[in-house]
Amino acid sequence: QGKKGGKKKGSGGKKKTMDDSVALKALLLKPTSGVYHYGPSLIEHCIRSAGLDPVVKLKHDNIDYTLPEASWEDLITSLREEGSRVIENLTSGESGGFILYKPKANDNNEKKK
């Protein structure tokens, strides 16, 4: 019985409440979100296009207050329209100005010369 009382004194409760919150961007990067394949940059772009903060902390008990229904609708619209537009531009070759990948091996070869 003495050990049960000892568990109550620990700081485990505080740590658990911190783990209950998740940033909006992190939530959308989970495989179950349906848009995680967009990747972090495009997801953040869509969140910002919807006028939202990607690092806003969401908790189960404050989600309606933090992001009202209208904000969710704006986010869904942005993910559908803006996300699809960017993906289409990237796959069609009309992306002018996007840098998608830069191999680090070239940097090492240039330094050796």
Foldseek 3Di string as FASTA:
>chain_A
DVVVVVVVPDPVVVVVVVVQKDFQLRVCCDPVNVQVVLDSVLLCVLLVQLVHDRGDIDGPVCNCVSAPPSSVVSSVVSCVPVSVVQVCCVVVVVNPPDDDDDDCVVVVVVVVD
